[in-house]
């Protein structure tokens, strides 16, 4: 990777705090020196509405076309194909009585399927 470019995804303070908690609790004994865990947000073509978010993962992997943005110690990585579809979106962590999960509020999404697992 010759140049680091940023993407347009934002994260909330709640998401940042929860991501830090997961990063600090992770077993990083198999990482090489200098490697660190980053959140990867990625979509793929699929699902009944057109696009699906891949599972959110913490990974040290960086790809040639990745765009990186640092949120006070939490790096979020997005590939160049995903970036235009999530520019202006917000990555959040919801902790309520009904659920405890990471979510994306994406203003670029025009709709979703009935089960909510894909968007257009």
PDB file of N, CA and C in Angstrom:
ATOM      1  N   UNK A   1       0.859  -1.159   0.000  1.00  0.00           N
ATOM      2  CA  UNK A   1       0.000   0.000   0.000  1.00  0.00           C
ATOM      3  C   UNK A   1       0.910   1.227   0.000  1.00  0.00           C
ATOM      4  N   UNK A   2       0.814   2.036  -1.025  1.00  0.00           N
ATOM      5  CA  UNK A   2       1.711   3.161  -1.145  1.00  0.00           C
ATOM      6  C   UNK A   2       1.153   4.429  -0.510  1.00  0.00           C
ATOM      7  N   UNK A   3      -0.146   4.591  -0.491  1.00  0.00           N
ATOM      8  CA  UNK A   3      -0.742   5.805   0.031  1.00  0.00           C
ATOM      9  C   UNK A   3      -1.941   5.443   0.885  1.00  0.00           C
ATOM     10  N   UNK A   4      -2.063   6.053   2.070  1.00  0.00           N
ATOM     11  CA  UNK A   4      -3.210   5.800   2.927  1.00  0.00           C
ATOM     12  C   UNK A   4      -4.267   6.858   2.647  1.00  0.00           C
ATOM     13  N   UNK A   5      -5.435   6.399   2.251  1.00  0.00           N
ATOM     14  CA  UNK A   5      -6.545   7.310   1.987  1.00  0.00           C
ATOM     15  C   UNK A   5      -7.662   6.986   2.961  1.00  0.00           C
ATOM     16  N   UNK A   6      -8.437   7.984   3.328  1.00  0.00           N
ATOM     17  CA  UNK A   6      -9.538   7.800   4.273  1.00  0.00           C
ATOM     18  C   UNK A   6     -10.843   7.547   3.532  1.00  0.00           C
ATOM     19  N   UNK A   7     -11.791   6.965   4.237  1.00  0.00           N
ATOM     20  CA  UNK A   7     -13.131   6.712   3.713  1.00  0.00           C
ATOM     21  C   UNK A   7     -14.117   7.615   4.447  1.00  0.00           C
ATOM     22  N   UNK A   8     -15.389   7.574   4.068  1.00  0.00           N
ATOM     23  CA  UNK A   8     -16.396   8.460   4.633  1.00  0.00           C
ATOM     24  C   UNK A   8     -17.284   7.856   5.698  1.00  0.00           C
ATOM     25  N   UNK A   9     -16.943   6.680   6.224  1.00  0.00           N
ATOM     26  CA  UNK A   9     -17.718   6.072   7.298  1.00  0.00           C
ATOM     27  C   UNK A   9     -17.341   6.734   8.622  1.00  0.00           C
ATOM     28  N   UNK A  10     -18.320   7.018   9.453  1.00  0.00           N
ATOM     29  CA  UNK A  10     -18.078   7.574  10.783  1.00  0.00           C
ATOM     30  C   UNK A  10     -18.458   6.532  11.823  1.00  0.00           C
ATOM     31  N   UNK A  11     -17.926   6.648  13.037  1.00  0.00           N
ATOM     32  CA  UNK A  11     -18.353   5.766  14.119  1.00  0.00           C
ATOM     33  C   UNK A  11     -18.749   6.615  15.318  1.00  0.00           C
ATOM     34  N   UNK A  12     -19.696   6.090  16.099  1.00  0.00           N
ATOM     35  CA  UNK A  12     -20.155   6.790  17.295  1.00  0.00           C
ATOM     36  C   UNK A  12     -19.195   6.524  18.448  1.00  0.00           C
ATOM     37  N   UNK A  13     -19.309   7.325  19.498  1.00  0.00           N
ATOM     38  CA  UNK A  13     -18.497   7.103  20.693  1.00  0.00           C
ATOM     39  C   UNK A  13     -18.796   5.737  21.308  1.00  0.00           C
ATOM     40  N   UNK A  14     -20.063   5.316  21.273  1.00  0.00           N
ATOM     41  CA  UNK A  14     -20.440   4.009  21.829  1.00  0.00           C
ATOM     42  C   UNK A  14     -19.762   2.886  21.046  1.00  0.00           C
ATOM     43  N   UNK A  15     -19.740   2.991  19.724  1.00  0.00           N
ATOM     44  CA  UNK A  15     -19.090   1.971  18.897  1.00  0.00           C
ATOM     45  C   UNK A  15     -17.587   1.967  19.145  1.00  0.00           C
ATOM     46  N   UNK A  16     -16.990   3.135  19.232  1.00  0.00           N
ATOM     47  CA  UNK A  16     -15.550   3.221  19.486  1.00  0.00           C
ATOM     48  C   UNK A  16     -15.195   2.568  20.812  1.00  0.00           C
ATOM     49  N   UNK A  17     -15.963   2.862  21.860  1.00  0.00           N
ATOM     50  CA  UNK A  17     -15.697   2.288  23.179  1.00  0.00           C
ATOM     51  C   UNK A  17     -15.840   0.766  23.164  1.00  0.00           C
ATOM     52  N   UNK A  18     -16.861   0.253  22.499  1.00  0.00           N
ATOM     53  CA  UNK A  18     -17.062  -1.193  22.437  1.00  0.00           C
ATOM     54  C   UNK A  18     -15.979  -1.865  21.598  1.00  0.00           C
ATOM     55  N   UNK A  19     -15.578  -1.236  20.508  1.00  0.00           N
ATOM     56  CA  UNK A  19     -14.493  -1.779  19.692  1.00  0.00           C
ATOM     57  C   UNK A  19     -13.192  -1.816  20.487  1.00  0.00           C
ATOM     58  N   UNK A  20     -12.888  -0.752  21.227  1.00  0.00           N
ATOM     59  CA  UNK A  20     -11.687  -0.736  22.067  1.00  0.00           C
ATOM     60  C   UNK A  20     -11.725  -1.865  23.089  1.00  0.00           C
ATOM     61  N   UNK A  21     -12.900  -2.106  23.669  1.00  0.00           N
ATOM     62  CA  UNK A  21     -13.052  -3.185  24.647  1.00  0.00           C
ATOM     63  C   UNK A  21     -12.708  -4.530  24.003  1.00  0.00           C
ATOM     64  N   UNK A  22     -13.210  -4.761  22.791  1.00  0.00           N
ATOM     65  CA  UNK A  22     -12.931  -6.008  22.091  1.00  0.00           C
ATOM     66  C   UNK A  22     -11.457  -6.122  21.691  1.00  0.00           C
ATOM     67  N   UNK A  23     -10.885  -5.028  21.223  1.00  0.00           N
ATOM     68  CA  UNK A  23      -9.475  -5.037  20.821  1.00  0.00           C
ATOM     69  C   UNK A  23      -8.569  -5.322  22.011  1.00  0.00           C
ATOM     70  N   UNK A  24      -8.855  -4.678  23.143  1.00  0.00           N
ATOM     71  CA  UNK A  24      -8.029  -4.874  24.339  1.00  0.00           C
ATOM     72  C   UNK A  24      -8.176  -6.275  24.914  1.00  0.00           C
ATOM     73  N   UNK A  25      -9.329  -6.913  24.709  1.00  0.00           N
ATOM     74  CA  UNK A  25      -9.566  -8.258  25.239  1.00  0.00           C
ATOM     75  C   UNK A  25      -9.092  -9.363  24.289  1.00  0.00           C
ATOM     76  N   UNK A  26      -8.779  -9.008  23.062  1.00  0.00           N
ATOM     77  CA  UNK A  26      -8.415 -10.002  22.057  1.00  0.00           C
ATOM     78  C   UNK A  26      -7.050 -10.619  22.331  1.00  0.00           C
ATOM     79  N   UNK A  27      -6.912 -11.881  21.949  1.00  0.00           N
ATOM     80  CA  UNK A  27      -5.627 -12.560  22.022  1.00  0.00           C
ATOM     81  C   UNK A  27      -4.836 -12.169  20.771  1.00  0.00           C
ATOM     82  N   UNK A  28      -3.802 -11.385  20.957  1.00  0.00           N
ATOM     83  CA  UNK A  28      -2.997 -10.913  19.826  1.00  0.00           C
ATOM     84  C   UNK A  28      -1.624 -11.589  19.789  1.00  0.00           C
ATOM     85  N   UNK A  29      -1.501 -12.722  20.472  1.00  0.00           N
ATOM     86  CA  UNK A  29      -0.209 -13.398  20.548  1.00  0.00           C
ATOM     87  C   UNK A  29       0.269 -13.909  19.191  1.00  0.00           C
ATOM     88  N   UNK A  30      -0.645 -14.095  18.242  1.00  0.00           N
ATOM     89  CA  UNK A  30      -0.225 -14.592  16.931  1.00  0.00           C
ATOM     90  C   UNK A  30       0.042 -13.472  15.922  1.00  0.00           C
ATOM     91  N   UNK A  31      -0.069 -12.220  16.353  1.00  0.00           N
ATOM     92  CA  UNK A  31       0.222 -11.104  15.449  1.00  0.00           C
ATOM     93  C   UNK A  31       1.720 -10.868  15.370  1.00  0.00           C
ATOM     94  N   UNK A  32       2.170 -10.437  14.213  1.00  0.00           N
ATOM     95  CA  UNK A  32       3.570 -10.066  14.039  1.00  0.00           C
ATOM     96  C   UNK A  32       3.815  -8.717  14.691  1.00  0.00           C
ATOM     97  N   UNK A  33       5.059  -8.432  14.976  1.00  0.00           N
ATOM     98  CA  UNK A  33       5.413  -7.153  15.580  1.00  0.00           C
ATOM     99  C   UNK A  33       4.966  -6.013  14.671  1.00  0.00           C
ATOM    100  N   UNK A  34       4.309  -5.033  15.248  1.00  0.00           N
ATOM    101  CA  UNK A  34       3.830  -3.881  14.485  1.00  0.00           C
ATOM    102  C   UNK A  34       2.410  -4.040  13.956  1.00  0.00           C
ATOM    103  N   UNK A  35       1.881  -5.268  13.957  1.00  0.00           N
ATOM    104  CA  UNK A  35       0.504  -5.469  13.501  1.00  0.00           C
ATOM    105  C   UNK A  35      -0.468  -5.126  14.622  1.00  0.00           C
ATOM    106  N   UNK A  36      -1.659  -4.675  14.233  1.00  0.00           N
ATOM    107  CA  UNK A  36      -2.706  -4.396  15.213  1.00  0.00           C
ATOM    108  C   UNK A  36      -4.060  -4.740  14.605  1.00  0.00           C
ATOM    109  N   UNK A  37      -5.026  -4.893  15.474  1.00  0.00           N
ATOM    110  CA  UNK A  37      -6.371  -5.216  15.013  1.00  0.00           C
ATOM    111  C   UNK A  37      -7.096  -3.959  14.569  1.00  0.00           C
ATOM    112  N   UNK A  38      -7.844  -4.092  13.478  1.00  0.00           N
ATOM    113  CA  UNK A  38      -8.641  -3.009  12.922  1.00  0.00           C
ATOM    114  C   UNK A  38     -10.024  -3.567  12.615  1.00  0.00           C
ATOM    115  N   UNK A  39     -11.012  -2.708  12.630  1.00  0.00           N
ATOM    116  CA  UNK A  39     -12.349  -3.115  12.211  1.00  0.00           C
ATOM    117  C   UNK A  39     -12.423  -3.066  10.697  1.00  0.00           C
ATOM    118  N   UNK A  40     -12.889  -4.160  10.077  1.00  0.00           N
ATOM    119  CA  UNK A  40     -13.129  -4.178   8.635  1.00  0.00           C
ATOM    120  C   UNK A  40     -14.625  -4.122   8.400  1.00  0.00           C
ATOM    121  N   UNK A  41     -15.050  -3.128   7.612  1.00  0.00           N
ATOM    122  CA  UNK A  41     -16.441  -3.010   7.185  1.00  0.00           C
ATOM    123  C   UNK A  41     -16.450  -3.214   5.682  1.00  0.00           C
ATOM    124  N   UNK A  42     -17.253  -4.189   5.239  1.00  0.00           N
ATOM    125  CA  UNK A  42     -17.227  -4.569   3.830  1.00  0.00           C
ATOM    126  C   UNK A  42     -18.612  -5.013   3.387  1.00  0.00           C
ATOM    127  N   UNK A  43     -18.957  -4.655   2.164  1.00  0.00           N
ATOM    128  CA  UNK A  43     -20.206  -5.144   1.586  1.00  0.00           C
ATOM    129  C   UNK A  43     -19.886  -6.027   0.395  1.00  0.00           C
ATOM    130  N   UNK A  44     -20.855  -6.821   0.014  1.00  0.00           N
ATOM    131  CA  UNK A  44     -20.725  -7.623  -1.200  1.00  0.00           C
ATOM    132  C   UNK A  44     -22.060  -7.585  -1.925  1.00  0.00           C
ATOM    133  N   UNK A  45     -22.014  -7.843  -3.204  1.00  0.00           N
ATOM    134  CA  UNK A  45     -23.234  -7.941  -3.981  1.00  0.00           C
ATOM    135  C   UNK A  45     -23.910  -9.232  -3.574  1.00  0.00           C
ATOM    136  N   UNK A  46     -25.207  -9.154  -3.267  1.00  0.00           N
ATOM    137  CA  UNK A  46     -25.934 -10.349  -2.870  1.00  0.00           C
ATOM    138  C   UNK A  46     -27.144 -10.009  -2.035  1.00  0.00           C
ATOM    139  N   UNK A  47     -27.821 -11.027  -1.590  1.00  0.00           N
ATOM    140  CA  UNK A  47     -29.042 -10.838  -0.828  1.00  0.00           C
ATOM    141  C   UNK A  47     -30.182 -10.451  -1.751  1.00  0.00           C
ATOM    142  N   UNK A  48     -31.380 -10.447  -1.232  1.00  0.00           N
ATOM    143  CA  UNK A  48     -32.536 -10.187  -2.091  1.00  0.00           C
ATOM    144  C   UNK A  48     -32.702  -8.710  -2.439  1.00  0.00           C
ATOM    145  N   UNK A  49     -32.021  -7.802  -1.738  1.00  0.00           N
ATOM    146  CA  UNK A  49     -32.151  -6.373  -2.045  1.00  0.00           C
ATOM    147  C   UNK A  49     -30.955  -5.829  -2.824  1.00  0.00           C
ATOM    148  N   UNK A  50     -29.908  -6.610  -3.014  1.00  0.00           N
ATOM    149  CA  UNK A  50     -28.793  -6.166  -3.840  1.00  0.00           C
ATOM    150  C   UNK A  50     -27.428  -6.194  -3.182  1.00  0.00           C
ATOM    151  N   UNK A  51     -27.320  -5.765  -1.902  1.00  0.00           N
ATOM    152  CA  UNK A  51     -26.040  -5.728  -1.197  1.00  0.00           C
ATOM    153  C   UNK A  51     -26.207  -6.281   0.207  1.00  0.00           C
ATOM    154  N   UNK A  52     -25.129  -6.834   0.724  1.00  0.00           N
ATOM    155  CA  UNK A  52     -25.104  -7.330   2.095  1.00  0.00           C
ATOM    156  C   UNK A  52     -23.824  -6.855   2.771  1.00  0.00           C
ATOM    157  N   UNK A  53     -23.933  -6.539   4.074  1.00  0.00           N
ATOM    158  CA  UNK A  53     -22.731  -6.295   4.855  1.00  0.00           C
ATOM    159  C   UNK A  53     -22.137  -7.651   5.214  1.00  0.00           C
ATOM    160  N   UNK A  54     -20.841  -7.796   5.034  1.00  0.00           N
ATOM    161  CA  UNK A  54     -20.167  -8.989   5.524  1.00  0.00           C
ATOM    162  C   UNK A  54     -20.072  -8.854   7.040  1.00  0.00           C
ATOM    163  N   UNK A  55     -19.896  -9.963   7.747  1.00  0.00           N
ATOM    164  CA  UNK A  55     -19.760  -9.849   9.206  1.00  0.00           C
ATOM    165  C   UNK A  55     -18.635  -8.873   9.569  1.00  0.00           C
ATOM    166  N   UNK A  56     -18.900  -8.048  10.564  1.00  0.00           N
ATOM    167  CA  UNK A  56     -17.888  -7.103  11.027  1.00  0.00           C
ATOM    168  C   UNK A  56     -16.808  -7.901  11.759  1.00  0.00           C
ATOM    169  N   UNK A  57     -15.551  -7.697  11.363  1.00  0.00           N
ATOM    170  CA  UNK A  57     -14.461  -8.449  11.984  1.00  0.00           C
ATOM    171  C   UNK A  57     -13.328  -7.518  12.395  1.00  0.00           C
ATOM    172  N   UNK A  58     -12.591  -7.954  13.408  1.00  0.00           N
ATOM    173  CA  UNK A  58     -11.342  -7.300  13.776  1.00  0.00           C
ATOM    174  C   UNK A  58     -10.235  -8.105  13.132  1.00  0.00           C
ATOM    175  N   UNK A  59      -9.394  -7.433  12.372  1.00  0.00           N
ATOM    176  CA  UNK A  59      -8.353  -8.118  11.616  1.00  0.00           C
ATOM    177  C   UNK A  59      -7.109  -7.237  11.498  1.00  0.00           C
ATOM    178  N   UNK A  60      -5.932  -7.858  11.431  1.00  0.00           N
ATOM    179  CA  UNK A  60      -4.722  -7.088  11.160  1.00  0.00           C
ATOM    180  C   UNK A  60      -4.502  -6.896   9.661  1.00  0.00           C
ATOM    181  N   UNK A  61      -5.281  -7.606   8.847  1.00  0.00           N
ATOM    182  CA  UNK A  61      -5.079  -7.612   7.395  1.00  0.00           C
ATOM    183  C   UNK A  61      -5.321  -6.238   6.767  1.00  0.00           C
ATOM    184  N   UNK A  62      -4.416  -5.876   5.896  1.00  0.00           N
ATOM    185  CA  UNK A  62      -4.589  -4.697   5.048  1.00  0.00           C
ATOM    186  C   UNK A  62      -4.427  -5.136   3.606  1.00  0.00           C
ATOM    187  N   UNK A  63      -5.335  -4.691   2.753  1.00  0.00           N
ATOM    188  CA  UNK A  63      -5.281  -5.015   1.334  1.00  0.00           C
ATOM    189  C   UNK A  63      -4.843  -3.783   0.544  1.00  0.00           C
ATOM    190  N   UNK A  64      -4.411  -4.011  -0.667  1.00  0.00           N
ATOM    191  CA  UNK A  64      -3.890  -2.941  -1.518  1.00  0.00           C
ATOM    192  C   UNK A  64      -4.897  -1.802  -1.713  1.00  0.00           C
ATOM    193  N   UNK A  65      -6.183  -2.119  -1.815  1.00  0.00           N
ATOM    194  CA  UNK A  65      -7.189  -1.089  -2.104  1.00  0.00           C
ATOM    195  C   UNK A  65      -7.921  -0.593  -0.856  1.00  0.00           C
ATOM    196  N   UNK A  66      -7.402  -0.873   0.346  1.00  0.00           N
ATOM    197  CA  UNK A  66      -8.066  -0.461   1.580  1.00  0.00           C
ATOM    198  C   UNK A  66      -7.940   1.038   1.827  1.00  0.00           C
ATOM    199  N   UNK A  67      -9.003   1.587   2.366  1.00  0.00           N
ATOM    200  CA  UNK A  67      -9.036   2.970   2.835  1.00  0.00           C
ATOM    201  C   UNK A  67      -9.136   2.891   4.357  1.00  0.00           C
ATOM    202  N   UNK A  68      -8.326   3.671   5.048  1.00  0.00           N
ATOM    203  CA  UNK A  68      -8.219   3.563   6.505  1.00  0.00           C
ATOM    204  C   UNK A  68      -8.557   4.911   7.141  1.00  0.00           C
ATOM    205  N   UNK A  69      -9.282   4.842   8.240  1.00  0.00           N
ATOM    206  CA  UNK A  69      -9.566   6.048   9.018  1.00  0.00           C
ATOM    207  C   UNK A  69      -9.379   5.703  10.489  1.00  0.00           C
ATOM    208  N   UNK A  70      -8.641   6.546  11.197  1.00  0.00           N
ATOM    209  CA  UNK A  70      -8.364   6.328  12.612  1.00  0.00           C
ATOM    210  C   UNK A  70      -9.317   7.161  13.459  1.00  0.00           C
ATOM    211  N   UNK A  71      -9.952   6.514  14.422  1.00  0.00           N
ATOM    212  CA  UNK A  71     -10.857   7.176  15.357  1.00  0.00           C
ATOM    213  C   UNK A  71     -10.246   7.071  16.748  1.00  0.00           C
ATOM    214  N   UNK A  72      -9.293   7.931  17.021  1.00  0.00           N
ATOM    215  CA  UNK A  72      -8.631   7.972  18.333  1.00  0.00           C
ATOM    216  C   UNK A  72      -8.200   6.594  18.801  1.00  0.00           C
ATOM    217  N   UNK A  73      -7.421   5.923  17.978  1.00  0.00           N
ATOM    218  CA  UNK A  73      -6.877   4.634  18.355  1.00  0.00           C
ATOM    219  C   UNK A  73      -7.617   3.424  17.816  1.00  0.00           C
ATOM    220  N   UNK A  74      -8.766   3.626  17.214  1.00  0.00           N
ATOM    221  CA  UNK A  74      -9.497   2.525  16.577  1.00  0.00           C
ATOM    222  C   UNK A  74      -9.484   2.779  15.079  1.00  0.00           C
ATOM    223  N   UNK A  75      -8.785   1.907  14.352  1.00  0.00           N
ATOM    224  CA  UNK A  75      -8.747   2.051  12.897  1.00  0.00           C
ATOM    225  C   UNK A  75      -9.893   1.276  12.268  1.00  0.00           C
ATOM    226  N   UNK A  76     -10.550   1.916  11.306  1.00  0.00           N
ATOM    227  CA  UNK A  76     -11.621   1.281  10.543  1.00  0.00           C
ATOM    228  C   UNK A  76     -11.159   1.206   9.097  1.00  0.00           C
ATOM    229  N   UNK A  77     -11.233  -0.002   8.525  1.00  0.00           N
ATOM    230  CA  UNK A  77     -10.750  -0.276   7.185  1.00  0.00           C
ATOM    231  C   UNK A  77     -11.939  -0.605   6.286  1.00  0.00           C
ATOM    232  N   UNK A  78     -11.949   0.023   5.112  1.00  0.00           N
ATOM    233  CA  UNK A  78     -13.001  -0.188   4.121  1.00  0.00           C
ATOM    234  C   UNK A  78     -12.317  -0.366   2.776  1.00  0.00           C
ATOM    235  N   UNK A  79     -12.736  -1.359   1.995  1.00  0.00           N
ATOM    236  CA  UNK A  79     -12.129  -1.523   0.672  1.00  0.00           C
ATOM    237  C   UNK A  79     -12.727  -0.503  -0.298  1.00  0.00           C
ATOM    238  N   UNK A  80     -12.040  -0.286  -1.401  1.00  0.00           N
ATOM    239  CA  UNK A  80     -12.445   0.768  -2.339  1.00  0.00           C
ATOM    240  C   UNK A  80     -13.791   0.494  -3.015  1.00  0.00           C
ATOM    241  N   UNK A  81     -14.212  -0.761  -3.119  1.00  0.00           N
ATOM    242  CA  UNK A  81     -15.524  -1.065  -3.696  1.00  0.00           C
ATOM    243  C   UNK A  81     -16.639  -0.697  -2.720  1.00  0.00           C
ATOM    244  N   UNK A  82     -16.406  -0.904  -1.440  1.00  0.00           N
ATOM    245  CA  UNK A  82     -17.411  -0.625  -0.406  1.00  0.00           C
ATOM    246  C   UNK A  82     -17.546   0.868  -0.128  1.00  0.00           C
ATOM    247  N   UNK A  83     -16.454   1.604  -0.197  1.00  0.00           N
ATOM    248  CA  UNK A  83     -16.413   3.001   0.236  1.00  0.00           C
ATOM    249  C   UNK A  83     -17.531   3.889  -0.310  1.00  0.00           C
ATOM    250  N   UNK A  84     -17.832   3.886  -1.609  1.00  0.00           N
ATOM    251  CA  UNK A  84     -18.888   4.779  -2.088  1.00  0.00           C
ATOM    252  C   UNK A  84     -20.274   4.449  -1.532  1.00  0.00           C
ATOM    253  N   UNK A  85     -20.503   3.182  -1.204  1.00  0.00           N
ATOM    254  CA  UNK A  85     -21.812   2.763  -0.714  1.00  0.00           C
ATOM    255  C   UNK A  85     -22.030   3.093   0.760  1.00  0.00           C
ATOM    256  N   UNK A  86     -20.954   3.349   1.495  1.00  0.00           N
ATOM    257  CA  UNK A  86     -21.113   3.659   2.915  1.00  0.00           C
ATOM    258  C   UNK A  86     -20.613   5.052   3.287  1.00  0.00           C
ATOM    259  N   UNK A  87     -20.256   5.848   2.300  1.00  0.00           N
ATOM    260  CA  UNK A  87     -19.824   7.210   2.584  1.00  0.00           C
ATOM    261  C   UNK A  87     -20.982   7.982   3.216  1.00  0.00           C
ATOM    262  N   UNK A  88     -20.740   8.566   4.364  1.00  0.00           N
ATOM    263  CA  UNK A  88     -21.782   9.290   5.088  1.00  0.00           C
ATOM    264  C   UNK A  88     -22.561   8.424   6.060  1.00  0.00           C
ATOM    265  N   UNK A  89     -22.287   7.122   6.082  1.00  0.00           N
ATOM    266  CA  UNK A  89     -22.958   6.214   7.009  1.00  0.00           C
ATOM    267  C   UNK A  89     -22.298   6.288   8.386  1.00  0.00           C
ATOM    268  N   UNK A  90     -23.016   5.814   9.397  1.00  0.00           N
ATOM    269  CA  UNK A  90     -22.513   5.819  10.765  1.00  0.00           C
ATOM    270  C   UNK A  90     -22.546   4.412  11.341  1.00  0.00           C
ATOM    271  N   UNK A  91     -21.414   3.977  11.866  1.00  0.00           N
ATOM    272  CA  UNK A  91     -21.275   2.684  12.536  1.00  0.00           C
ATOM    273  C   UNK A  91     -21.538   2.920  14.007  1.00  0.00           C
ATOM    274  N   UNK A  92     -22.487   2.189  14.577  1.00  0.00           N
ATOM    275  CA  UNK A  92     -22.922   2.431  15.954  1.00  0.00           C
ATOM    276  C   UNK A  92     -22.953   1.128  16.741  1.00  0.00           C
ATOM    277  N   UNK A  93     -22.968   1.245  18.048  1.00  0.00           N
ATOM    278  CA  UNK A  93     -23.171   0.101  18.929  1.00  0.00           C
ATOM    279  C   UNK A  93     -24.425   0.364  19.737  1.00  0.00           C
ATOM    280  N   UNK A  94     -25.365  -0.578  19.660  1.00  0.00           N
ATOM    281  CA  UNK A  94     -26.643  -0.462  20.352  1.00  0.00           C
ATOM    282  C   UNK A  94     -26.650  -1.450  21.507  1.00  0.00           C
ATOM    283  N   UNK A  95     -26.979  -0.956  22.698  1.00  0.00           N
ATOM    284  CA  UNK A  95     -27.023  -1.805  23.884  1.00  0.00           C
ATOM    285  C   UNK A  95     -28.324  -1.509  24.619  1.00  0.00           C
ATOM    286  N   UNK A  96     -29.349  -2.301  24.299  1.00  0.00           N
ATOM    287  CA  UNK A  96     -30.664  -2.120  24.910  1.00  0.00           C
ATOM    288  C   UNK A  96     -31.114  -3.433  25.537  1.00  0.00           C
ATOM    289  N   UNK A  97     -32.277  -3.413  26.132  1.00  0.00           N
ATOM    290  CA  UNK A  97     -32.838  -4.625  26.710  1.00  0.00           C
ATOM    291  C   UNK A  97     -33.093  -5.679  25.635  1.00  0.00           C
ATOM    292  N   UNK A  98     -33.482  -5.226  24.431  1.00  0.00           N
ATOM    293  CA  UNK A  98     -33.804  -6.160  23.354  1.00  0.00           C
ATOM    294  C   UNK A  98     -32.590  -6.660  22.583  1.00  0.00           C
ATOM    295  N   UNK A  99     -31.564  -5.835  22.456  1.00  0.00           N
ATOM    296  CA  UNK A  99     -30.409  -6.289  21.674  1.00  0.00           C
ATOM    297  C   UNK A  99     -29.135  -5.562  22.066  1.00  0.00           C
ATOM    298  N   UNK A 100     -28.045  -6.203  21.718  1.00  0.00           N
ATOM    299  CA  UNK A 100     -26.695  -5.676  21.945  1.00  0.00           C
ATOM    300  C   UNK A 100     -25.926  -5.997  20.676  1.00  0.00           C
ATOM    301  N   UNK A 101     -25.719  -4.961  19.821  1.00  0.00           N
ATOM    302  CA  UNK A 101     -25.153  -5.245  18.503  1.00  0.00           C
ATOM    303  C   UNK A 101     -24.554  -3.999  17.872  1.00  0.00           C
ATOM    304  N   UNK A 102     -23.633  -4.245  16.917  1.00  0.00           N
ATOM    305  CA  UNK A 102     -23.134  -3.190  16.057  1.00  0.00           C
ATOM    306  C   UNK A 102     -24.112  -3.037  14.901  1.00  0.00           C
ATOM    307  N   UNK A 103     -24.343  -1.794  14.490  1.00  0.00           N
ATOM    308  CA  UNK A 103     -25.265  -1.509  13.388  1.00  0.00           C
ATOM    309  C   UNK A 103     -24.707  -0.386  12.528  1.00  0.00           C
ATOM    310  N   UNK A 104     -25.175  -0.324  11.295  1.00  0.00           N
ATOM    311  CA  UNK A 104     -24.818   0.775  10.405  1.00  0.00           C
ATOM    312  C   UNK A 104     -26.086   1.514  10.009  1.00  0.00           C
ATOM    313  N   UNK A 105     -26.069   2.821  10.221  1.00  0.00           N
ATOM    314  CA  UNK A 105     -27.136   3.686   9.720  1.00  0.00           C
ATOM    315  C   UNK A 105     -26.610   4.274   8.423  1.00  0.00           C
ATOM    316  N   UNK A 106     -27.167   3.812   7.310  1.00  0.00           N
ATOM    317  CA  UNK A 106     -26.636   4.171   6.002  1.00  0.00           C
ATOM    318  C   UNK A 106     -27.647   4.996   5.210  1.00  0.00           C
ATOM    319  N   UNK A 107     -27.409   6.312   5.081  1.00  0.00           N
ATOM    320  CA  UNK A 107     -28.339   7.151   4.324  1.00  0.00           C
ATOM    321  C   UNK A 107     -28.343   6.858   2.826  1.00  0.00           C
ATOM    322  N   UNK A 108     -27.353   6.109   2.343  1.00  0.00           N
ATOM    323  CA  UNK A 108     -27.298   5.747   0.926  1.00  0.00           C
ATOM    324  C   UNK A 108     -28.230   4.590   0.591  1.00  0.00           C
ATOM    325  N   UNK A 109     -28.673   3.875   1.608  1.00  0.00           N
ATOM    326  CA  UNK A 109     -29.550   2.728   1.395  1.00  0.00           C
ATOM    327  C   UNK A 109     -30.950   3.223   1.032  1.00  0.00           C
ATOM    328  N   UNK A 110     -31.472   2.711  -0.057  1.00  0.00           N
ATOM    329  CA  UNK A 110     -32.809   3.101  -0.506  1.00  0.00           C
ATOM    330  C   UNK A 110     -33.876   2.149   0.004  1.00  0.00           C
ATOM    331  N   UNK A 111     -33.475   1.050   0.566  1.00  0.00           N
ATOM    332  CA  UNK A 111     -34.424   0.086   1.091  1.00  0.00           C
ATOM    333  C   UNK A 111     -33.712  -1.178   1.511  1.00  0.00           C
ATOM    334  N   UNK A 112     -34.454  -2.058   2.155  1.00  0.00           N
ATOM    335  CA  UNK A 112     -33.886  -3.340   2.569  1.00  0.00           C
ATOM    336  C   UNK A 112     -34.902  -4.432   2.307  1.00  0.00           C
ATOM    337  N   UNK A 113     -34.444  -5.653   2.414  1.00  0.00           N
ATOM    338  CA  UNK A 113     -35.339  -6.789   2.201  1.00  0.00           C
ATOM    339  C   UNK A 113     -36.191  -6.983   3.453  1.00  0.00           C
ATOM    340  N   UNK A 114     -37.165  -7.853   3.367  1.00  0.00           N
ATOM    341  CA  UNK A 114     -38.086  -8.078   4.475  1.00  0.00           C
ATOM    342  C   UNK A 114     -37.385  -8.593   5.721  1.00  0.00           C
ATOM    343  N   UNK A 115     -36.345  -9.417   5.553  1.00  0.00           N
ATOM    344  CA  UNK A 115     -35.656  -9.965   6.728  1.00  0.00           C
ATOM    345  C   UNK A 115     -34.601  -9.001   7.271  1.00  0.00           C
ATOM    346  N   UNK A 116     -34.272  -7.947   6.518  1.00  0.00           N
ATOM    347  CA  UNK A 116     -33.320  -6.951   6.977  1.00  0.00           C
ATOM    348  C   UNK A 116     -31.861  -7.301   6.794  1.00  0.00           C
ATOM    349  N   UNK A 117     -31.555  -8.385   6.087  1.00  0.00           N
ATOM    350  CA  UNK A 117     -30.157  -8.782   5.956  1.00  0.00           C
ATOM    351  C   UNK A 117     -29.469  -8.203   4.720  1.00  0.00           C
ATOM    352  N   UNK A 118     -30.210  -7.544   3.839  1.00  0.00           N
ATOM    353  CA  UNK A 118     -29.582  -6.923   2.687  1.00  0.00           C
ATOM    354  C   UNK A 118     -30.236  -5.575   2.416  1.00  0.00           C
ATOM    355  N   UNK A 119     -29.563  -4.764   1.588  1.00  0.00           N
ATOM    356  CA  UNK A 119     -30.071  -3.422   1.293  1.00  0.00           C
ATOM    357  C   UNK A 119     -29.805  -3.074  -0.157  1.00  0.00           C
ATOM    358  N   UNK A 120     -30.470  -2.015  -0.606  1.00  0.00           N
ATOM    359  CA  UNK A 120     -30.255  -1.535  -1.980  1.00  0.00           C
ATOM    360  C   UNK A 120     -29.842  -0.084  -1.965  1.00  0.00           C
TER     361      UNK A 120
END
